[in-house]
C-alpha atoms as a PDB file:
ATOM      1  CA  MET A   1      33.821   6.175 132.674  1.00  0.00           C
ATOM      2  CA  SER A   2      30.342   4.842 131.832  1.00  0.00           C
ATOM      3  CA  ALA A   3      29.234   1.337 132.757  1.00  0.00           C
ATOM      4  CA  GLN A   4      29.185   0.377 129.063  1.00  0.00           C
ATOM      5  CA  THR A   5      32.706   1.732 128.489  1.00  0.00           C
ATOM      6  CA  ASP A   6      33.925  -0.039 131.627  1.00  0.00           C
ATOM      7  CA  GLU A   7      32.406  -3.296 130.390  1.00  0.00           C
ATOM      8  CA  VAL A   8      34.172  -2.951 127.030  1.00  0.00           C
ATOM      9  CA  ALA A   9      37.459  -2.268 128.837  1.00  0.00           C
ATOM     10  CA  LYS A  10      37.109  -5.545 130.745  1.00  0.00           C
ATOM     11  CA  GLN A  11      36.696  -7.611 127.588  1.00  0.00           C
ATOM     12  CA  PRO A  12      39.715  -9.832 126.934  1.00  0.00           C
ATOM     13  CA  ALA A  13      41.816  -9.147 123.876  1.00  0.00           C
ATOM     14  CA  ARG A  14      41.192 -11.203 120.772  1.00  0.00           C
ATOM     15  CA  ILE A  15      43.576 -14.128 120.319  1.00  0.00           C
ATOM     16  CA  SER A  16      45.001 -14.042 116.824  1.00  0.00           C
ATOM     17  CA  ALA A  17      47.119 -16.310 114.639  1.00  0.00           C
ATOM     18  CA  THR A  18      48.451 -15.878 111.111  1.00  0.00           C
ATOM     19  CA  LEU A  19      48.775 -18.859 108.760  1.00  0.00           C
ATOM     20  CA  PHE A  20      51.149 -18.579 105.794  1.00  0.00           C
ATOM     21  CA  LEU A  21      49.614 -20.358 102.792  1.00  0.00           C
ATOM     22  CA  GLU A  22      51.130 -21.711  99.602  1.00  0.00           C
ATOM     23  CA  ARG A  23      47.873 -20.738  97.890  1.00  0.00           C
ATOM     24  CA  GLN A  24      44.309 -19.801  98.733  1.00  0.00           C
ATOM     25  CA  VAL A  25      41.935 -22.726  99.366  1.00  0.00           C
ATOM     26  CA  PRO A  26      38.267 -22.584 100.463  1.00  0.00           C
ATOM     27  CA  ILE A  27      37.551 -23.788 104.007  1.00  0.00           C
ATOM     28  CA  ASP A  28      35.191 -26.742 104.352  1.00  0.00           C
ATOM     29  CA  TYR A  29      33.011 -25.609 107.254  1.00  0.00           C
ATOM     30  CA  ASN A  30      31.030 -28.841 107.367  1.00  0.00           C
ATOM     31  CA  VAL A  31      34.225 -30.789 108.016  1.00  0.00           C
ATOM     32  CA  LEU A  32      35.413 -28.173 110.536  1.00  0.00           C
ATOM     33  CA  ILE A  33      32.166 -28.354 112.514  1.00  0.00           C
ATOM     34  CA  GLU A  34      32.133 -32.148 112.379  1.00  0.00           C
ATOM     35  CA  ARG A  35      35.669 -32.360 113.767  1.00  0.00           C
ATOM     36  CA  VAL A  36      35.842 -29.528 116.315  1.00  0.00           C
ATOM     37  CA  GLY A  37      32.386 -27.910 116.469  1.00  0.00           C
ATOM     38  CA  SER A  38      31.409 -29.523 119.774  1.00  0.00           C
ATOM     39  CA  VAL A  39      34.729 -28.588 121.393  1.00  0.00           C
ATOM     40  CA  LEU A  40      34.512 -24.962 120.241  1.00  0.00           C
ATOM     41  CA  GLY A  41      30.820 -24.459 120.915  1.00  0.00           C
ATOM     42  CA  ILE A  42      29.828 -24.072 117.266  1.00  0.00           C
ATOM     43  CA  SER A  43      26.152 -24.944 117.010  1.00  0.00           C
ATOM     44  CA  ALA A  44      25.166 -22.959 113.916  1.00  0.00           C
ATOM     45  CA  THR A  45      24.961 -24.439 110.431  1.00  0.00           C
ATOM     46  CA  ILE A  46      27.457 -22.661 108.177  1.00  0.00           C
ATOM     47  CA  GLU A  47      27.081 -22.741 104.423  1.00  0.00           C
ATOM     48  CA  ASP A  48      30.299 -23.384 102.528  1.00  0.00           C
ATOM     49  CA  ASP A  49      31.496 -20.571 100.307  1.00  0.00           C
ATOM     50  CA  PRO A  50      33.499 -21.570  97.221  1.00  0.00           C
ATOM     51  CA  ARG A  51      35.459 -18.317  97.318  1.00  0.00           C
ATOM     52  CA  PRO A  52      38.781 -18.833  99.122  1.00  0.00           C
ATOM     53  CA  ASP A  53      38.862 -15.133 100.056  1.00  0.00           C
ATOM     54  CA  ALA A  54      35.393 -15.214 101.633  1.00  0.00           C
ATOM     55  CA  PRO A  55      35.516 -13.759 105.164  1.00  0.00           C
ATOM     56  CA  ILE A  56      35.252 -16.086 108.138  1.00  0.00           C
ATOM     57  CA  VAL A  57      32.406 -15.125 110.483  1.00  0.00           C
ATOM     58  CA  LEU A  58      31.800 -18.114 112.694  1.00  0.00           C
ATOM     59  CA  PRO A  59      29.635 -18.042 115.875  1.00  0.00           C
ATOM     60  CA  ALA A  60      31.538 -19.949 118.556  1.00  0.00           C
ATOM     61  CA  ASP A  61      30.709 -20.237 122.251  1.00  0.00           C
ATOM     62  CA  GLY A  62      29.025 -16.837 122.433  1.00  0.00           C
ATOM     63  CA  ASP A  63      31.773 -15.068 120.482  1.00  0.00           C
ATOM     64  CA  LEU A  64      32.640 -14.611 116.824  1.00  0.00           C
ATOM     65  CA  VAL A  65      35.590 -16.180 115.066  1.00  0.00           C
ATOM     66  CA  ILE A  66      36.664 -13.647 112.452  1.00  0.00           C
ATOM     67  CA  GLY A  67      39.174 -14.243 109.693  1.00  0.00           C
ATOM     68  CA  MET A  68      40.163 -13.540 106.145  1.00  0.00           C
ATOM     69  CA  GLN A  69      42.369 -15.182 103.534  1.00  0.00           C
ATOM     70  CA  MET A  70      44.369 -12.641 101.577  1.00  0.00           C
ATOM     71  CA  GLY A  71      45.833 -13.513  98.204  1.00  0.00           C
ATOM     72  CA  PHE A  72      49.265 -11.991  98.725  1.00  0.00           C
ATOM     73  CA  PRO A  73      52.267 -12.696 100.988  1.00  0.00           C
ATOM     74  CA  TYR A  74      52.323 -11.377 104.546  1.00  0.00           C
ATOM     75  CA  PRO A  75      53.308  -7.697 104.199  1.00  0.00           C
ATOM     76  CA  VAL A  76      55.257  -7.358 107.471  1.00  0.00           C
ATOM     77  CA  SER A  77      58.898  -8.422 107.841  1.00  0.00           C
ATOM     78  CA  LEU A  78      59.365 -11.747 109.645  1.00  0.00           C
ATOM     79  CA  GLN A  79      63.054 -11.161 110.299  1.00  0.00           C
ATOM     80  CA  ASN A  80      62.657 -10.632 114.046  1.00  0.00           C
ATOM     81  CA  PRO A  81      60.549 -13.727 114.919  1.00  0.00           C
ATOM     82  CA  ALA A  82      62.592 -15.836 112.478  1.00  0.00           C
ATOM     83  CA  GLN A  83      65.928 -15.005 114.090  1.00  0.00           C
ATOM     84  CA  PHE A  84      64.782 -16.459 117.425  1.00  0.00           C
ATOM     85  CA  ALA A  85      63.010 -19.511 115.928  1.00  0.00           C
ATOM     86  CA  TYR A  86      66.006 -21.798 116.524  1.00  0.00           C
ATOM     87  CA  TRP A  87      63.746 -24.808 115.805  1.00  0.00           C
ATOM     88  CA  TRP A  88      63.295 -23.503 112.233  1.00  0.00           C
ATOM     89  CA  PRO A  89      66.730 -22.439 110.917  1.00  0.00           C
ATOM     90  CA  ASN A  90      65.511 -22.044 107.309  1.00  0.00           C
ATOM     91  CA  ALA A  91      62.348 -20.122 108.232  1.00  0.00           C
ATOM     92  CA  LEU A  92      62.830 -17.127 105.938  1.00  0.00           C
ATOM     93  CA  GLY A  93      63.789 -19.313 102.991  1.00  0.00           C
ATOM     94  CA  ASP A  94      60.880 -21.716 103.505  1.00  0.00           C
ATOM     95  CA  LEU A  95      58.414 -18.850 103.875  1.00  0.00           C
ATOM     96  CA  THR A  96      59.212 -17.603 100.370  1.00  0.00           C
ATOM     97  CA  ARG A  97      56.831 -20.400  99.260  1.00  0.00           C
ATOM     98  CA  HIS A  98      53.827 -18.670 100.777  1.00  0.00           C
ATOM     99  CA  LYS A  99      51.737 -16.658  98.328  1.00  0.00           C
ATOM    100  CA  ALA A 100      48.765 -15.932 100.595  1.00  0.00           C
ATOM    101  CA  HIS A 101      47.991 -15.681 104.295  1.00  0.00           C
ATOM    102  CA  LEU A 102      45.064 -16.103 106.671  1.00  0.00           C
ATOM    103  CA  ILE A 103      44.571 -14.134 109.893  1.00  0.00           C
ATOM    104  CA  VAL A 104      42.010 -15.631 112.265  1.00  0.00           C
ATOM    105  CA  SER A 105      41.015 -14.320 115.692  1.00  0.00           C
ATOM    106  CA  CYS A 106      38.516 -14.740 118.525  1.00  0.00           C
ATOM    107  CA  PRO A 107      38.431 -13.496 122.149  1.00  0.00           C
ATOM    108  CA  TRP A 108      36.929 -16.687 123.656  1.00  0.00           C
ATOM    109  CA  SER A 109      35.790 -14.315 126.388  1.00  0.00           C
ATOM    110  CA  LYS A 110      33.975 -16.874 128.561  1.00  0.00           C
ATOM    111  CA  HIS A 111      37.202 -18.698 129.350  1.00  0.00           C
ATOM    112  CA  SER A 112      40.466 -18.207 131.190  1.00  0.00           C
ATOM    113  CA  ARG A 113      43.308 -17.045 128.982  1.00  0.00           C
ATOM    114  CA  LEU A 114      44.846 -20.528 129.028  1.00  0.00           C
ATOM    115  CA  ASP A 115      41.574 -22.235 128.093  1.00  0.00           C
ATOM    116  CA  ALA A 116      40.942 -19.566 125.447  1.00  0.00           C
ATOM    117  CA  HIS A 117      44.346 -20.224 123.882  1.00  0.00           C
ATOM    118  CA  MET A 118      43.631 -23.957 123.857  1.00  0.00           C
ATOM    119  CA  ARG A 119      40.368 -23.362 122.016  1.00  0.00           C
ATOM    120  CA  HIS A 120      42.040 -21.146 119.468  1.00  0.00           C
ATOM    121  CA  LEU A 121      44.790 -23.731 119.120  1.00  0.00           C
ATOM    122  CA  THR A 122      42.153 -26.363 118.312  1.00  0.00           C
ATOM    123  CA  LEU A 123      40.635 -24.093 115.662  1.00  0.00           C
ATOM    124  CA  VAL A 124      43.995 -23.284 114.065  1.00  0.00           C
ATOM    125  CA  ARG A 125      44.988 -26.966 114.080  1.00  0.00           C
ATOM    126  CA  GLU A 126      41.882 -27.759 112.041  1.00  0.00           C
ATOM    127  CA  LEU A 127      42.720 -24.982 109.583  1.00  0.00           C
ATOM    128  CA  VAL A 128      46.254 -26.346 109.300  1.00  0.00           C
ATOM    129  CA  GLU A 129      44.740 -29.733 108.436  1.00  0.00           C
ATOM    130  CA  GLN A 130      42.636 -28.251 105.634  1.00  0.00           C
ATOM    131  CA  LEU A 131      44.911 -25.599 104.137  1.00  0.00           C
ATOM    132  CA  PRO A 132      48.410 -25.683 102.534  1.00  0.00           C
ATOM    133  CA  VAL A 133      50.147 -24.033 105.498  1.00  0.00           C
ATOM    134  CA  VAL A 134      53.891 -23.365 105.448  1.00  0.00           C
ATOM    135  CA  GLY A 135      54.051 -21.956 108.977  1.00  0.00           C
ATOM    136  CA  VAL A 136      52.129 -20.171 111.722  1.00  0.00           C
ATOM    137  CA  LEU A 137      52.812 -16.866 113.483  1.00  0.00           C
ATOM    138  CA  TRP A 138      51.156 -16.712 116.895  1.00  0.00           C
ATOM    139  CA  GLY A 139      51.846 -13.384 118.550  1.00  0.00           C
ATOM    140  CA  SER A 140      55.623 -13.102 118.144  1.00  0.00           C
ATOM    141  CA  SER A 141      56.353 -16.838 117.898  1.00  0.00           C
ATOM    142  CA  LEU A 142      56.954 -18.362 114.456  1.00  0.00           C
ATOM    143  CA  VAL A 143      56.758 -22.135 113.904  1.00  0.00           C
ATOM    144  CA  GLN A 144      56.754 -24.464 110.930  1.00  0.00           C
ATOM    145  CA  THR A 145      53.767 -26.703 110.225  1.00  0.00           C
ATOM    146  CA  ASP A 146      55.325 -29.962 111.461  1.00  0.00           C
ATOM    147  CA  LEU A 147      56.320 -28.425 114.791  1.00  0.00           C
ATOM    148  CA  PHE A 148      52.875 -26.868 115.146  1.00  0.00           C
ATOM    149  CA  LYS A 149      51.249 -30.285 114.745  1.00  0.00           C
ATOM    150  CA  GLY A 150      53.686 -31.870 117.189  1.00  0.00           C
ATOM    151  CA  GLU A 151      53.163 -29.181 119.824  1.00  0.00           C
ATOM    152  CA  PHE A 152      49.392 -29.520 119.435  1.00  0.00           C
ATOM    153  CA  ALA A 153      49.655 -33.289 120.003  1.00  0.00           C
ATOM    154  CA  ASN A 154      51.745 -32.647 123.119  1.00  0.00           C
ATOM    155  CA  ALA A 155      49.212 -30.074 124.341  1.00  0.00           C
ATOM    156  CA  LEU A 156      46.507 -32.744 124.178  1.00  0.00           C
ATOM    157  CA  LYS A 157      48.673 -34.773 126.563  1.00  0.00           C
ATOM    158  CA  GLY A 158      48.765 -31.882 129.029  1.00  0.00           C
ATOM    159  CA  GLU A 159      52.060 -30.237 128.047  1.00  0.00           C
ATOM    160  CA  PHE A 160      52.139 -26.454 127.738  1.00  0.00           C
ATOM    161  CA  PRO A 161      53.023 -25.609 124.092  1.00  0.00           C
ATOM    162  CA  PHE A 162      55.504 -22.896 125.007  1.00  0.00           C
ATOM    163  CA  SER A 163      57.113 -22.607 121.563  1.00  0.00           C
ATOM    164  CA  LEU A 164      53.751 -21.894 119.917  1.00  0.00           C
ATOM    165  CA  TRP A 165      52.726 -19.038 122.168  1.00  0.00           C
ATOM    166  CA  ILE A 166      55.748 -17.388 123.768  1.00  0.00           C
ATOM    167  CA  LEU A 167      58.879 -16.099 122.090  1.00  0.00           C
ATOM    168  CA  ILE A 168      62.205 -16.226 123.921  1.00  0.00           C
ATOM    169  CA  GLN A 169      64.507 -13.469 122.670  1.00  0.00           C
ATOM    170  CA  PHE A 170      68.217 -13.776 123.435  1.00  0.00           C
ATOM    171  CA  SER A 171      71.513 -12.008 122.823  1.00  0.00           C
ATOM    172  CA  ARG A 172      75.098 -12.151 124.077  1.00  0.00           C
ATOM    173  CA  GLN A 173      76.548  -9.603 126.465  1.00  0.00           C
ATOM    174  CA  PRO A 174      80.182  -8.455 125.998  1.00  0.00           C
ATOM    175  CA  ASN A 175      81.267 -10.702 128.904  1.00  0.00           C
ATOM    176  CA  GLY A 176      79.643 -13.764 127.314  1.00  0.00           C
ATOM    177  CA  ASN A 177      76.495 -13.813 129.429  1.00  0.00           C
ATOM    178  CA  ILE A 178      73.155 -14.478 127.732  1.00  0.00           C
ATOM    179  CA  LEU A 179      70.434 -11.832 127.946  1.00  0.00           C
ATOM    180  CA  ILE A 180      66.908 -13.270 127.770  1.00  0.00           C
ATOM    181  CA  SER A 181      63.437 -11.746 127.501  1.00  0.00           C
ATOM    182  CA  THR A 182      60.046 -13.237 126.665  1.00  0.00           C
ATOM    183  CA  LEU A 183      57.166 -11.948 124.547  1.00  0.00           C
ATOM    184  CA  GLY A 184      53.746 -13.501 125.126  1.00  0.00           C
ATOM    185  CA  MET A 185      53.433 -14.076 128.865  1.00  0.00           C
ATOM    186  CA  ARG A 186      51.195 -11.010 129.174  1.00  0.00           C
ATOM    187  CA  ASP A 187      48.688 -12.739 126.877  1.00  0.00           C
ATOM    188  CA  PHE A 188      48.117 -15.097 129.814  1.00  0.00           C
ATOM    189  CA  GLU A 189      47.899 -12.229 132.329  1.00  0.00           C
ATOM    190  CA  ARG A 190      51.363 -13.033 133.668  1.00  0.00           C
ATOM    191  CA  MET A 191      54.465 -10.889 133.821  1.00  0.00           C
ATOM    192  CA  GLU A 192      57.101 -11.333 131.140  1.00  0.00           C
ATOM    193  CA  ILE A 193      60.335 -13.090 132.129  1.00  0.00           C
ATOM    194  CA  GLU A 194      63.861 -11.710 131.834  1.00  0.00           C
ATOM    195  CA  THR A 195      67.300 -12.814 132.947  1.00  0.00           C
ATOM    196  CA  GLU A 196      71.000 -12.416 132.374  1.00  0.00           C
ATOM    197  CA  SER A 197      72.567 -15.848 132.582  1.00  0.00           C
ATOM    198  CA  SER A 198      76.085 -17.235 132.789  1.00  0.00           C
ATOM    199  CA  LEU A 199      74.712 -20.713 132.009  1.00  0.00           C
ATOM    200  CA  PRO A 200      74.772 -22.216 128.486  1.00  0.00           C
ATOM    201  CA  LEU A 201      71.948 -21.056 126.198  1.00  0.00           C
ATOM    202  CA  ASP A 202      70.136 -24.412 126.136  1.00  0.00           C
ATOM    203  CA  GLN A 203      70.079 -24.647 129.943  1.00  0.00           C
ATOM    204  CA  THR A 204      68.915 -21.045 130.275  1.00  0.00           C
ATOM    205  CA  VAL A 205      66.112 -21.502 127.729  1.00  0.00           C
ATOM    206  CA  ASP A 206      65.043 -24.729 129.451  1.00  0.00           C
ATOM    207  CA  LEU A 207      64.773 -22.920 132.796  1.00  0.00           C
ATOM    208  CA  ILE A 208      62.734 -20.082 131.288  1.00  0.00           C
ATOM    209  CA  ARG A 209      60.402 -22.477 129.481  1.00  0.00           C
ATOM    210  CA  LYS A 210      59.772 -24.549 132.617  1.00  0.00           C
ATOM    211  CA  PHE A 211      59.312 -21.531 134.873  1.00  0.00           C
ATOM    212  CA  GLY A 212      56.954 -19.863 132.388  1.00  0.00           C
ATOM    213  CA  SER A 213      54.961 -23.042 131.815  1.00  0.00           C
ATOM    214  CA  TYR A 214      54.619 -23.547 135.560  1.00  0.00           C
ATOM    215  CA  ILE A 215      53.288 -20.084 136.370  1.00  0.00           C
ATOM    216  CA  VAL A 216      50.775 -20.158 133.482  1.00  0.00           C
ATOM    217  CA  THR A 217      49.405 -23.655 134.031  1.00  0.00           C
ATOM    218  CA  SER A 218      49.434 -23.698 137.843  1.00  0.00           C
ATOM    219  CA  GLY A 219      48.212 -20.157 138.421  1.00  0.00           C
ATOM    220  CA  ALA A 220      50.867 -19.877 141.128  1.00  0.00           C
ATOM    221  CA  VAL A 221      51.674 -16.458 142.575  1.00  0.00           C
ATOM    222  CA  VAL A 222      55.446 -16.045 142.562  1.00  0.00           C
ATOM    223  CA  ARG A 223      56.290 -13.232 144.961  1.00  0.00           C
ATOM    224  CA  ASP A 224      59.310 -10.977 144.828  1.00  0.00           C
ATOM    225  CA  GLY A 225      62.130 -12.914 146.487  1.00  0.00           C
ATOM    226  CA  ASP A 226      60.608 -16.396 146.080  1.00  0.00           C
ATOM    227  CA  THR A 227      62.804 -19.206 144.794  1.00  0.00           C
ATOM    228  CA  PHE A 228      62.221 -22.060 142.361  1.00  0.00           C
ATOM    229  CA  GLY A 229      64.289 -24.889 140.940  1.00  0.00           C
ATOM    230  CA  LEU A 230      64.252 -27.931 138.714  1.00  0.00           C
ATOM    231  CA  SER A 231      65.342 -30.145 141.619  1.00  0.00           C
ATOM    232  CA  GLU A 232      64.914 -30.204 145.393  1.00  0.00           C
ATOM    233  CA  THR A 233      68.335 -28.668 145.914  1.00  0.00           C
ATOM    234  CA  GLN A 234      68.245 -25.995 143.211  1.00  0.00           C
ATOM    235  CA  LYS A 235      67.054 -22.614 144.509  1.00  0.00           C
ATOM    236  CA  ILE A 236      66.897 -19.791 141.972  1.00  0.00           C
ATOM    237  CA  ARG A 237      65.659 -16.442 143.233  1.00  0.00           C
ATOM    238  CA  VAL A 238      62.934 -14.535 141.373  1.00  0.00           C
ATOM    239  CA  ARG A 239      62.632 -10.766 141.619  1.00  0.00           C
ATOM    240  CA  HIS A 240      59.916  -8.365 140.479  1.00  0.00           C
ATOM    241  CA  THR A 241      61.839  -5.669 138.667  1.00  0.00           C
ATOM    242  CA  ARG A 242      61.816  -3.039 135.956  1.00  0.00           C
ATOM    243  CA  SER A 243      62.406  -4.413 132.473  1.00  0.00           C
ATOM    244  CA  PHE A 244      65.717  -3.643 130.789  1.00  0.00           C
ATOM    245  CA  ARG A 245      63.709  -2.860 127.643  1.00  0.00           C
ATOM    246  CA  PRO A 246      62.958   0.877 127.570  1.00  0.00           C
ATOM    247  CA  ASP A 247      59.624   0.342 125.785  1.00  0.00           C
ATOM    248  CA  VAL A 248      58.261  -1.995 128.507  1.00  0.00           C
ATOM    249  CA  ASN A 249      56.739  -0.193 131.492  1.00  0.00           C
ATOM    250  CA  ASP A 250      55.171  -3.220 133.199  1.00  0.00           C
ATOM    251  CA  PRO A 251      57.130  -5.074 135.887  1.00  0.00           C
ATOM    252  CA  VAL A 252      58.751  -8.374 134.906  1.00  0.00           C
ATOM    253  CA  TYR A 253      60.027 -11.519 136.583  1.00  0.00           C
ATOM    254  CA  TRP A 254      63.817 -11.266 136.798  1.00  0.00           C
ATOM    255  CA  ILE A 255      65.417 -14.714 137.231  1.00  0.00           C
ATOM    256  CA  GLU A 256      68.740 -14.437 139.084  1.00  0.00           C
ATOM    257  CA  LEU A 257      71.121 -16.625 137.078  1.00  0.00           C
ATOM    258  CA  THR A 258      74.279 -14.584 137.575  1.00  0.00           C
ATOM    259  CA  GLU A 259      75.622 -12.857 140.682  1.00  0.00           C
ATOM    260  CA  GLN A 260      76.734  -9.732 138.837  1.00  0.00           C
ATOM    261  CA  PRO A 261      74.408  -8.822 135.943  1.00  0.00           C
ATOM    262  CA  THR A 262      75.847  -6.309 133.502  1.00  0.00           C
ATOM    263  CA  VAL A 263      72.632  -5.178 131.823  1.00  0.00           C
ATOM    264  CA  ARG A 264      71.547  -1.642 132.643  1.00  0.00           C
ATOM    265  CA  LYS A 265      67.894  -0.913 133.296  1.00  0.00           C
ATOM    266  CA  PRO A 266      66.164   2.345 132.351  1.00  0.00           C
ATOM    267  CA  LYS A 267      65.781   4.995 135.006  1.00  0.00           C
ATOM    268  CA  GLY A 268      63.111   7.644 135.362  1.00  0.00           C
ATOM    269  CA  TYR A 269      59.465   8.106 136.210  1.00  0.00           C
ATOM    270  CA  PHE A 270      58.290   4.604 135.286  1.00  0.00           C
ATOM    271  CA  SER A 271      61.221   3.051 137.144  1.00  0.00           C
ATOM    272  CA  ASN A 272      59.894   4.624 140.320  1.00  0.00           C
ATOM    273  CA  LEU A 273      56.406   3.276 139.634  1.00  0.00           C
ATOM    274  CA  PHE A 274      57.391  -0.246 138.626  1.00  0.00           C
ATOM    275  CA  GLY A 275      60.867  -0.671 140.068  1.00  0.00           C
ATOM    276  CA  SER A 276      62.001  -3.750 141.928  1.00  0.00           C
ATOM    277  CA  THR A 277      62.257  -3.961 145.673  1.00  0.00           C
ATOM    278  CA  SER A 278      65.700  -5.434 145.034  1.00  0.00           C
ATOM    279  CA  LYS A 279      68.841  -3.342 144.579  1.00  0.00           C
ATOM    280  CA  GLN A 280      69.218  -4.198 140.902  1.00  0.00           C
END
């Protein structure tokens, strides 16, 4: 591999968000730069373009923000992210109002993945302020506009906006246990989280959210066999194990919330490479 190819391989992935719009509206770049230009490292003078479908090419902190408004509804099914957006029960119905969409991305390569996400969050919040946004899809997580604004306000207070960035998928096992897996932790260079839980869904989700928020914001290294808890007496063991999802070959954090999990994990070549040191 050449030095140039190796350098490209080390570049962080672009952070992307999709905004679902009731209609196309031109972006006021002068207002955007006035409000968030100093935070995002935008020093250039950008001329406004009256065309709502004009591409976004915005120099920011040594990178380029790239985006485009498209005058038609989002062409990919939102059924999967909508079914796990328990905070937005009418998501699919509400999203029928959107007639256009905007995809905007930037790598923010000078920053840690958490700081990069915060910068992109600031940019998207400004776009939400200017445009008629019904909802936002960030990775696999789908949120309505009001929740997006609320989570952004909480992020400014130091809270990790878990619902904006990381999707928690869940299903019921035949014995009543809840099977959980996350999508989005790898965007922060952390392992995804999985568990099979005999606890109620709300308690299980709360544990996953707090554990995930902790390992992203603290940078803590959670080793195979370590424990964590939400109180001094609670000790929940964490294992490094093979995912139960056959399409995931990276190791995951497995949170032990039941003594006898029923989920079966794939076996084979990748299991030997990425398998847990535990007996699961």
